[in-house]
Structures are given as C-alpha cells and as structure tokens.
Amino acid sequence: MGYDGPMRSLAALLVLCFSLAEPAVGYGYKYVHEVLPGERLRDIANRYHTSEKAIRRRNRLRRGKLRAGRKLRIITSVPSRTRRRIRYTVRKGDSLSKIAKKHKLKTWVLRRLNHRLLRRRRTLRKGMRLWVVVEGPKPSGGVKGLFQLSDGPGYRVRDPRRGWGTFLAISRIHEVLGAYSRRFPKAPPVQIWDLSRKGGGYFPPHSSHRRGDDVDVPYVLKRQYQGKTKLATPSRMHLPRTWWLIKRFLKTGDVTFIFINRSLQRALYHYAKGIGEPKRYLKKAFQYPSRRAIGIIRHSPGHDTHFHVRFRVVKTKVKTKTKAKVKTKAKVKTKTKVKTKTKVKTKTKVKTKAKTPPHPRSGRPDGRRRGAPRAGRAARSAAALDSTA
C-alpha cells in the first residue's frame, strides 16, 4: 500500500486519528470526530446513528457551516465505524487523482488535507508523505453478530445481559425511542425488556428471541398506574402515547409483525380510527376486526403486559472472490541408455554319414528286390563292401 511503517505506531494513531471510540459510558459509546473538508452535520449524524440536534447541543454548535478540522464529541448507543488519518508515501507514477481514488476520497478533499505541503510543491515527487483518510474496521458484535443495547434517550434497558440484538434492531429502537423522547419530553423513559442473549439461541421462557430481531416493549400506562402494575387494560393504557410509539415502529418499514393482545388491539384500533387514520392504513396495519392471519399487528396470547416487535431479517450477501492461479511446470527429462551387446557364437559340427547309393537292379540301398526277405547283418555288411569296391 505504500504506507510509512513508523507512522503506524500507537502514539501516532492516538494523535492523528480522525475518530476514536471510547468504552461505553453512561448510555452509549463515546467518539471524537474530526470534521472533513466539505462534510455536513447531517452526514456525521447518519454515520453515528444520532441526530443533528444532539450533536449541536453537546458541542454547543451555532447555525452555519462546520469548520474543517473541528473535533466533535459524539455519544451514541450504537457502535459505529471509525476512520483515521495516516501518512501515505508517494510512489513512482502516483498522482493526486490516483491516490484519492485508492482511498475513496475526492481530489479536492485530498488537496485540502495537504494544503500546506501542496502550496509549496505543485507537483508530486517520489517519497513525499501525504495525509490520507482510511476507514477503520467494521464494528463487531457478539458471537453471531449481535450488539448490546445500552440506555439511550427515551428508554432504559431493564437487563443489559438480555439486551443483545441485530444492528438493525438496535438502530431502530434507538431511532424510535429517541423520537418518542422528543415528542413527549415530560414522559418517563420507556423500559426495554428482552431482546436476546449474547450469541443468540434458546431463551426461556420465550419461544422466539433467538436471533436478536425481537424486542419486548411494555405498554405506556397512565400516570396513576405507573410503577404499580404491569398488566395493561384499555382503561389503564395511555392510548395516545402507546399508539404514537407503535405507529413510529411501523413507519420505519423494517417491522414484520407486532404481537398485541386482541382486547388491547381493539382499543388501539378504535382510537386510531377516531383520530382520523385512513381506513386503508388501518386495514393494512391491524388484524382486528378480522380473525384471519392478516395485518402487521396481530393477536398473540400472553401479550397483555407488553407488545412484541419483530424486525425483518437482513440477508447478508457474501461476496467470495476466488482467484486461483495454478502454474504447473513439469519438466520430465528421461534419458534411457540401453546398451545391449549380444554376441552369439554358434559352432555346429554336423557329422553326416554317407548314404548308400541305390542298387541298379532293385533301386534299394541294400540291393534287395521288392518282396525279398531282408538279409542279415553279415550279408548287409558284405553288400556294403561290394558297393564301395
């Protein structure tokens, strides 16, 4: 990558980091963010899952543009991805546009980050050291990618050990309850009950709450019943605040189901209809008055103390890049030298006895006529001697 080795030391990172995350204190994670050239407050708020108003209030910002290089203190309940500034050593053939593209920056932002150096030198040369911004690692959650929910504006977590959820669930809870606290500033914070255990899995006495995409939120009760009972009835429930909270969850677009007892669902339905909610919206949102499995808000027994929100499951796309380069160089050198020297010497000595010529009269070697008796050994010897003589 061409980075300077010594600049990666711990001391350099502490001094030159763009945003540093500290342990969660109070109700969230603390960050120090240094403003980039041209960066807007809206972008910073979206990056840390908070609001512009919260950032302005904590840093006492006035209306107007942000000054590049200013450090902002940010507190959020959601762990966010940080970024840091490091040194990049210019290589042969590098240009500002190439370096900016490599680090996902705009060229003019890179110029502003190094305006003092580039003011003196208009051209890049090999060995120059420029400031660049790189993204830090993505925030990691529990064993299965779950995050622990911390107390935030508008809500408190009843038991942090039972408050592990997906990134989407944590973000939407923080978003909805934060808006609730701004809409009803005098209302007491809502207590968040169970999400999932760390790492997910079976979570008694629940039949669900295994993947971090479920959360139990108690109904908002009237003041005279707060702290005295958990059981909600149509007369005890604060209908305006409860309906506003449920409607805000529906508005996120990330909720698949909300389970509510049928008697409480009836009361909420008639209240929403009474304040002028469109019939088409109510038909899409509520199962009531039907008993069929329709609508997002559905009846489920055991939900008379809290309503159960189930968020959609985010499908993670796994990009696998496999580059297999197999270079096989097989050089087989076979040298086979077969030297065969076969010397066959065959000496065959054949001794053949001379054949006796046939008799002129009989045509037989022994001189006998056909049909004549064969002579004895002595006669044959004598006949042989006669023929040779």
Protein backbone atom coordinates (compact mmCIF):
# COMPACT_ATOMS: atom_id res chain seq x y z
CA MET A 1 0.00 0.00 0.00
CA GLY A 2 2.96 2.30 0.34
CA TYR A 3 2.34 3.37 3.92
CA ASP A 4 5.05 4.57 6.20
CA GLY A 5 5.92 1.91 8.75
CA PRO A 6 6.84 4.16 11.69
CA MET A 7 3.61 6.13 11.34
CA ARG A 8 1.65 3.09 12.32
CA SER A 9 2.85 3.21 15.88
CA LEU A 10 0.35 3.55 18.66
CA ALA A 11 1.42 7.07 19.57
CA ALA A 12 0.92 8.31 16.02
CA LEU A 13 -2.53 6.81 15.80
CA LEU A 14 -3.62 8.40 19.05
CA VAL A 15 -2.51 11.82 17.83
CA LEU A 16 -3.57 11.58 14.20
CA CYS A 17 -6.81 9.59 14.45
CA PHE A 18 -9.94 11.04 12.91
CA SER A 19 -12.43 9.42 15.25
CA LEU A 20 -11.65 7.49 18.40
CA ALA A 21 -14.13 5.21 20.14
CA GLU A 22 -14.07 5.03 23.92
CA PRO A 23 -15.76 2.42 26.09
CA ALA A 24 -19.47 2.81 26.60
CA VAL A 25 -20.05 5.26 29.42
CA GLY A 26 -23.46 6.29 30.70
CA TYR A 27 -25.88 5.29 27.99
CA GLY A 28 -23.70 4.90 24.92
CA TYR A 29 -20.36 4.89 23.11
CA LYS A 30 -18.22 8.00 23.05
CA TYR A 31 -16.48 9.19 19.89
CA VAL A 32 -14.31 12.14 18.91
CA HIS A 33 -14.91 13.03 15.28
CA GLU A 34 -12.75 15.45 13.30
CA VAL A 35 -14.70 17.22 10.57
CA LEU A 36 -13.54 16.62 7.00
CA PRO A 37 -13.49 19.42 4.43
CA GLY A 38 -16.98 19.80 2.98
CA GLU A 39 -18.58 17.43 5.49
CA ARG A 40 -22.12 18.25 6.62
CA LEU A 41 -23.62 17.77 10.06
CA ARG A 42 -26.31 15.56 8.52
CA ASP A 43 -23.66 13.15 7.23
CA ILE A 44 -21.99 12.96 10.63
CA ALA A 45 -25.32 12.30 12.37
CA ASN A 46 -26.16 9.49 9.96
CA ARG A 47 -22.73 7.96 10.40
CA TYR A 48 -23.12 7.68 14.18
CA HIS A 49 -26.88 6.94 14.21
CA THR A 50 -27.79 10.03 16.17
CA SER A 51 -29.50 13.37 15.48
CA GLU A 52 -28.12 16.74 14.39
CA LYS A 53 -29.79 18.36 17.39
CA ALA A 54 -27.97 16.06 19.80
CA ILE A 55 -24.59 16.85 18.21
CA ARG A 56 -25.27 20.59 18.26
CA ARG A 57 -26.37 20.54 21.88
CA ARG A 58 -23.40 18.50 23.09
CA ASN A 59 -20.83 20.61 21.21
CA ARG A 60 -22.66 23.98 21.52
CA LEU A 61 -22.64 24.50 17.78
CA ARG A 62 -24.19 27.54 16.17
CA ARG A 63 -26.08 27.56 12.93
CA GLY A 64 -23.94 27.64 9.83
CA LYS A 65 -21.25 25.61 8.15
CA LEU A 66 -18.88 23.39 10.06
CA ARG A 67 -15.25 24.33 10.15
CA ALA A 68 -12.97 21.64 8.73
CA GLY A 69 -10.69 20.19 11.37
CA ARG A 70 -13.03 20.84 14.29
CA LYS A 71 -13.35 17.94 16.72
CA LEU A 72 -16.85 16.96 17.78
CA ARG A 73 -17.81 14.89 20.80
CA ILE A 74 -20.48 12.33 19.94
CA ILE A 75 -22.30 9.84 22.15
CA THR A 76 -24.39 7.06 20.63
CA SER A 77 -25.78 3.75 21.80
CA VAL A 78 -24.79 2.04 18.54
CA PRO A 79 -21.15 1.15 17.86
CA SER A 80 -20.06 2.93 14.71
CA ARG A 81 -17.30 2.51 12.18
CA THR A 82 -14.41 4.88 12.80
CA ARG A 83 -11.82 6.34 10.46
CA ARG A 84 -8.33 7.66 10.95
CA ARG A 85 -5.75 9.81 9.24
CA ILE A 86 -2.44 8.21 8.31
CA ARG A 87 0.58 9.01 6.15
CA TYR A 88 0.88 7.75 2.60
CA THR A 89 4.25 7.67 0.84
CA VAL A 90 4.06 8.72 -2.80
CA ARG A 91 5.31 6.13 -5.26
CA LYS A 92 6.53 6.41 -8.80
CA GLY A 93 3.63 7.09 -11.16
CA ASP A 94 1.26 8.33 -8.43
CA SER A 95 -0.99 11.35 -8.93
CA LEU A 96 -3.48 13.11 -6.68
CA SER A 97 -6.42 11.60 -8.54
CA LYS A 98 -4.99 8.07 -8.28
CA ILE A 99 -4.26 8.43 -4.56
CA ALA A 100 -7.72 9.90 -3.91
CA LYS A 101 -9.42 7.09 -5.83
CA LYS A 102 -7.42 4.47 -3.97
CA HIS A 103 -8.61 5.83 -0.59
CA LYS A 104 -12.17 6.66 -1.73
CA LEU A 105 -11.69 10.40 -1.36
CA LYS A 106 -12.42 13.32 -3.62
CA THR A 107 -9.39 15.01 -5.13
CA TRP A 108 -10.22 18.42 -3.70
CA VAL A 109 -10.62 16.87 -0.21
CA LEU A 110 -7.15 15.34 -0.55
CA ARG A 111 -5.80 18.76 -1.56
CA ARG A 112 -7.40 20.40 1.46
CA LEU A 113 -5.91 17.78 3.77
CA ASN A 114 -2.43 18.55 2.42
CA HIS A 115 -2.83 22.23 1.50
CA ARG A 116 0.31 23.33 3.36
CA LEU A 117 2.52 20.80 1.63
CA LEU A 118 0.98 21.24 -1.81
CA ARG A 119 1.17 25.03 -1.53
CA ARG A 120 4.96 24.81 -1.58
CA ARG A 121 5.20 21.97 -4.11
CA ARG A 122 2.82 21.93 -7.06
CA THR A 123 3.92 18.55 -8.34
CA LEU A 124 4.26 15.25 -6.55
CA ARG A 125 7.57 13.55 -6.31
CA LYS A 126 8.51 10.09 -5.18
CA GLY A 127 8.97 9.82 -1.40
CA MET A 128 6.58 12.64 -0.42
CA ARG A 129 4.32 11.88 2.54
CA LEU A 130 0.67 12.91 2.27
CA TRP A 131 -2.21 12.78 4.72
CA VAL A 132 -4.99 10.37 3.70
CA VAL A 133 -8.11 9.09 5.47
CA VAL A 134 -8.83 5.37 5.78
CA GLU A 135 -11.84 3.59 7.19
CA GLY A 136 -11.44 1.56 10.35
CA PRO A 137 -12.75 -1.98 10.82
CA LYS A 138 -16.48 -2.58 10.91
CA PRO A 139 -17.96 -2.78 14.42
CA SER A 140 -18.14 -6.33 15.65
CA GLY A 141 -20.92 -7.60 17.82
CA GLY A 142 -21.40 -10.79 19.78
CA VAL A 143 -20.71 -14.34 18.78
CA LYS A 144 -23.30 -14.21 15.99
CA GLY A 145 -23.04 -10.57 15.08
CA LEU A 146 -25.26 -9.22 17.88
CA PHE A 147 -24.84 -5.88 19.64
CA GLN A 148 -25.64 -5.00 23.21
CA LEU A 149 -28.27 -2.29 23.66
CA SER A 150 -27.32 0.44 26.12
CA ASP A 151 -29.54 3.04 27.77
CA GLY A 152 -30.41 5.88 25.43
CA PRO A 153 -32.61 8.95 25.17
CA GLY A 154 -36.21 7.97 25.86
CA TYR A 155 -35.54 4.44 27.08
CA ARG A 156 -33.75 2.31 29.67
CA VAL A 157 -32.69 -1.33 29.36
CA ARG A 158 -34.08 -3.48 32.12
CA ASP A 159 -31.31 -6.12 31.97
CA PRO A 160 -28.31 -5.49 29.65
CA ARG A 161 -27.50 -9.22 29.72
CA ARG A 162 -30.80 -9.85 27.92
CA GLY A 163 -30.44 -6.89 25.58
CA TRP A 164 -28.48 -8.26 22.60
CA GLY A 165 -29.90 -7.57 19.15
CA THR A 166 -29.04 -7.21 15.50
CA PHE A 167 -27.60 -3.97 14.17
CA LEU A 168 -30.93 -3.17 12.51
CA ALA A 169 -32.96 -3.80 15.68
CA ILE A 170 -30.62 -1.72 17.85
CA SER A 171 -30.66 1.14 15.35
CA ARG A 172 -34.45 1.21 15.04
CA ILE A 173 -35.01 1.05 18.81
CA HIS A 174 -32.65 3.96 19.28
CA GLU A 175 -34.31 5.89 16.46
CA VAL A 176 -37.92 5.34 17.58
CA LEU A 177 -37.40 5.89 21.30
CA GLY A 178 -35.25 8.95 20.61
CA ALA A 179 -38.12 10.44 18.59
CA TYR A 180 -40.53 9.48 21.39
CA SER A 181 -38.48 11.43 23.94
CA ARG A 182 -38.53 14.49 21.69
CA ARG A 183 -42.27 14.19 21.05
CA PHE A 184 -43.10 13.71 24.75
CA PRO A 185 -40.28 15.39 26.67
CA LYS A 186 -42.08 15.11 30.01
CA ALA A 187 -42.87 11.40 29.64
CA PRO A 188 -40.78 8.98 31.71
CA PRO A 189 -38.35 6.80 29.72
CA VAL A 190 -39.74 3.56 28.31
CA GLN A 191 -38.24 0.41 29.77
CA ILE A 192 -36.96 -2.02 27.15
CA TRP A 193 -37.39 -5.62 28.17
CA ASP A 194 -35.94 -8.69 26.46
CA LEU A 195 -34.20 -8.90 23.09
CA SER A 196 -31.84 -11.91 23.03
CA ARG A 197 -28.99 -13.38 24.97
CA LYS A 198 -25.40 -12.85 23.95
CA GLY A 199 -24.77 -15.10 20.99
CA GLY A 200 -28.47 -15.85 20.48
CA GLY A 201 -30.01 -19.26 20.89
CA TYR A 202 -32.72 -20.70 23.14
CA PHE A 203 -34.01 -18.07 25.56
CA PRO A 204 -36.57 -19.37 28.08
CA PRO A 205 -39.39 -18.66 28.74
CA HIS A 206 -39.64 -17.21 25.21
CA SER A 207 -40.35 -19.35 22.19
CA SER A 208 -38.63 -16.75 19.98
CA HIS A 209 -35.99 -14.11 20.87
CA ARG A 210 -33.23 -16.33 19.47
CA ARG A 211 -31.74 -14.25 16.66
CA GLY A 212 -31.76 -10.71 18.06
CA ASP A 213 -34.60 -9.47 15.84
CA ASP A 214 -37.32 -9.47 18.57
CA VAL A 215 -37.88 -6.94 21.33
CA ASP A 216 -40.48 -6.64 24.10
CA VAL A 217 -41.69 -3.13 24.86
CA PRO A 218 -44.16 -2.51 27.72
CA TYR A 219 -47.31 -0.51 27.05
CA VAL A 220 -47.30 3.11 28.17
CA LEU A 221 -49.64 3.32 31.15
CA LYS A 222 -51.36 6.31 32.65
CA ARG A 223 -49.57 8.12 35.40
CA GLN A 224 -51.64 6.69 38.26
CA TYR A 225 -50.81 3.14 37.22
CA GLN A 226 -47.11 3.57 36.53
CA GLY A 227 -44.93 1.55 38.87
CA LYS A 228 -47.91 -0.21 40.46
CA THR A 229 -48.79 -2.82 37.87
CA LYS A 230 -47.50 -4.22 34.58
CA LEU A 231 -50.84 -5.54 33.35
CA ALA A 232 -52.33 -3.27 30.71
CA THR A 233 -56.03 -2.83 30.10
CA PRO A 234 -57.86 -0.42 27.78
CA SER A 235 -58.64 1.80 30.79
CA ARG A 236 -55.11 1.76 32.21
CA MET A 237 -53.23 2.21 28.92
CA HIS A 238 -52.19 5.66 27.73
CA LEU A 239 -53.65 5.30 24.25
CA PRO A 240 -52.15 8.43 22.57
CA ARG A 241 -48.57 7.65 23.59
CA THR A 242 -48.84 3.91 23.02
CA TRP A 243 -50.33 4.37 19.55
CA TRP A 244 -47.73 7.00 18.65
CA LEU A 245 -44.96 4.57 19.68
CA ILE A 246 -46.41 1.65 17.72
CA LYS A 247 -47.06 3.80 14.66
CA ARG A 248 -43.47 5.04 14.77
CA PHE A 249 -42.22 1.45 14.71
CA LEU A 250 -44.44 0.75 11.71
CA LYS A 251 -43.15 3.85 9.96
CA THR A 252 -39.57 2.51 9.90
CA GLY A 253 -40.59 -0.09 7.31
CA ASP A 254 -38.40 -2.70 8.99
CA VAL A 255 -41.09 -4.31 11.18
CA THR A 256 -42.69 -7.56 10.00
CA PHE A 257 -45.01 -8.21 12.98
CA ILE A 258 -46.21 -6.59 16.22
CA PHE A 259 -47.98 -9.00 18.58
CA ILE A 260 -50.65 -7.50 20.84
CA ASN A 261 -53.48 -8.99 22.88
CA ARG A 262 -56.77 -8.78 20.99
CA SER A 263 -58.60 -6.70 23.61
CA LEU A 264 -55.82 -4.10 23.59
CA GLN A 265 -55.65 -4.26 19.81
CA ARG A 266 -59.34 -3.40 19.68
CA ALA A 267 -58.83 -0.33 21.88
CA LEU A 268 -55.90 0.90 19.79
CA TYR A 269 -57.82 0.32 16.56
CA HIS A 270 -60.81 2.40 17.65
CA TYR A 271 -58.53 5.15 19.00
CA ALA A 272 -56.60 5.34 15.70
CA LYS A 273 -59.85 5.35 13.75
CA GLY A 274 -61.21 8.11 15.99
CA ILE A 275 -58.26 10.45 15.35
CA GLY A 276 -58.68 10.14 11.60
CA GLU A 277 -56.25 7.43 10.49
CA PRO A 278 -57.10 6.29 6.91
CA LYS A 279 -59.15 3.12 6.61
CA ARG A 280 -56.72 1.66 4.10
CA TYR A 281 -53.84 2.20 6.53
CA LEU A 282 -55.77 0.62 9.41
CA LYS A 283 -56.69 -2.38 7.28
CA LYS A 284 -53.06 -2.92 6.37
CA ALA A 285 -51.77 -2.39 9.91
CA PHE A 286 -54.33 -4.22 12.10
CA GLN A 287 -55.59 -7.77 12.16
CA TYR A 288 -58.67 -6.55 14.06
CA PRO A 289 -61.60 -6.80 13.46
CA SER A 290 -60.80 -9.86 11.35
CA ARG A 291 -59.60 -13.10 12.89
CA ARG A 292 -57.64 -14.17 9.84
CA ALA A 293 -53.84 -14.04 9.73
CA ILE A 294 -53.61 -10.62 8.10
CA GLY A 295 -52.03 -7.30 9.01
CA ILE A 296 -48.82 -6.47 10.83
CA ILE A 297 -50.41 -6.04 14.27
CA ARG A 298 -51.67 -9.47 15.24
CA HIS A 299 -53.13 -11.21 18.26
CA SER A 300 -50.90 -13.46 20.31
CA PRO A 301 -51.77 -14.70 23.81
CA GLY A 302 -49.53 -13.56 26.63
CA HIS A 303 -49.02 -10.03 25.33
CA ASP A 304 -51.14 -8.10 27.81
CA THR A 305 -48.17 -6.54 29.60
CA HIS A 306 -46.04 -5.67 26.57
CA PHE A 307 -46.14 -5.64 22.78
CA HIS A 308 -43.69 -7.76 20.83
CA VAL A 309 -41.92 -6.15 17.85
CA ARG A 310 -40.25 -8.39 15.27
CA PHE A 311 -37.88 -6.79 12.79
CA ARG A 312 -37.09 -8.10 9.37
CA VAL A 313 -34.10 -10.35 8.91
CA VAL A 314 -31.32 -8.73 6.94
CA LYS A 315 -29.90 -11.12 4.40
CA THR A 316 -26.17 -10.77 4.24
CA LYS A 317 -24.65 -11.04 0.81
CA VAL A 318 -21.38 -12.85 0.99
CA LYS A 319 -19.04 -11.90 -1.75
CA THR A 320 -16.48 -14.54 -2.37
CA LYS A 321 -13.61 -13.73 -4.59
CA THR A 322 -11.58 -16.73 -5.51
CA LYS A 323 -8.53 -16.24 -7.56
CA ALA A 324 -6.80 -19.49 -8.20
CA LYS A 325 -3.75 -19.34 -10.28
CA VAL A 326 -2.19 -22.71 -10.76
CA LYS A 327 1.03 -22.78 -12.59
CA THR A 328 2.31 -26.24 -13.23
CA LYS A 329 5.69 -26.61 -14.73
CA ALA A 330 6.52 -30.22 -15.19
CA LYS A 331 9.78 -30.93 -16.84
CA VAL A 332 10.41 -34.58 -17.26
CA LYS A 333 13.74 -35.48 -18.61
CA THR A 334 14.14 -39.15 -19.30
CA LYS A 335 17.43 -40.38 -20.50
CA THR A 336 17.45 -44.05 -21.09
CA LYS A 337 20.52 -45.56 -22.49
CA VAL A 338 20.26 -49.20 -23.26
CA LYS A 339 23.41 -50.79 -24.36
CA THR A 340 22.90 -54.33 -25.42
CA LYS A 341 25.79 -56.28 -26.59
CA THR A 342 24.86 -59.77 -27.54
CA LYS A 343 27.44 -61.93 -29.02
CA VAL A 344 26.20 -65.28 -30.12
CA LYS A 345 28.78 -67.65 -31.25
CA THR A 346 27.31 -70.84 -32.57
CA LYS A 347 29.50 -73.58 -33.71
CA THR A 348 27.64 -76.52 -35.05
CA LYS A 349 29.52 -79.51 -36.16
CA VAL A 350 27.37 -81.99 -38.04
CA LYS A 351 28.84 -85.29 -38.95
CA THR A 352 26.81 -86.97 -41.63
CA LYS A 353 27.35 -90.49 -42.73
CA ALA A 354 27.38 -91.08 -46.49
CA LYS A 355 24.24 -92.59 -47.86
CA THR A 356 24.48 -95.85 -49.73
CA PRO A 357 23.54 -95.42 -53.38
CA PRO A 358 20.58 -97.49 -54.59
CA HIS A 359 21.15 -100.86 -56.30
CA PRO A 360 20.98 -100.62 -60.09
CA ARG A 361 18.55 -103.51 -60.33
CA SER A 362 16.26 -103.20 -57.35
CA GLY A 363 16.64 -99.49 -56.70
CA ARG A 364 17.05 -100.18 -52.99
CA PRO A 365 20.11 -99.32 -50.90
CA ASP A 366 20.54 -102.87 -49.72
CA GLY A 367 20.16 -104.36 -53.20
CA ARG A 368 17.12 -106.45 -52.26
CA ARG A 369 14.25 -106.91 -54.55
CA ARG A 370 10.84 -105.99 -53.59
CA GLY A 371 9.18 -108.59 -51.53
CA ALA A 372 12.53 -110.39 -50.87
CA PRO A 373 13.40 -111.21 -47.24
CA ARG A 374 15.71 -108.88 -45.52
CA ALA A 375 19.31 -110.06 -45.28
CA GLY A 376 21.08 -110.48 -42.04
CA ARG A 377 23.74 -108.30 -40.57
CA ALA A 378 26.63 -110.20 -42.15
CA ALA A 379 25.01 -110.12 -45.57
CA ARG A 380 24.35 -106.41 -45.31
CA SER A 381 27.96 -105.76 -44.39
CA ALA A 382 29.19 -107.73 -47.35
CA ALA A 383 26.85 -105.93 -49.70
CA ALA A 384 28.09 -102.63 -48.45
CA LEU A 385 31.69 -103.60 -49.04
CA ASP A 386 30.87 -104.73 -52.55
CA SER A 387 29.21 -101.45 -53.44
CA THR A 388 32.13 -99.43 -52.22
CA ALA A 389 34.58 -101.53 -54.05
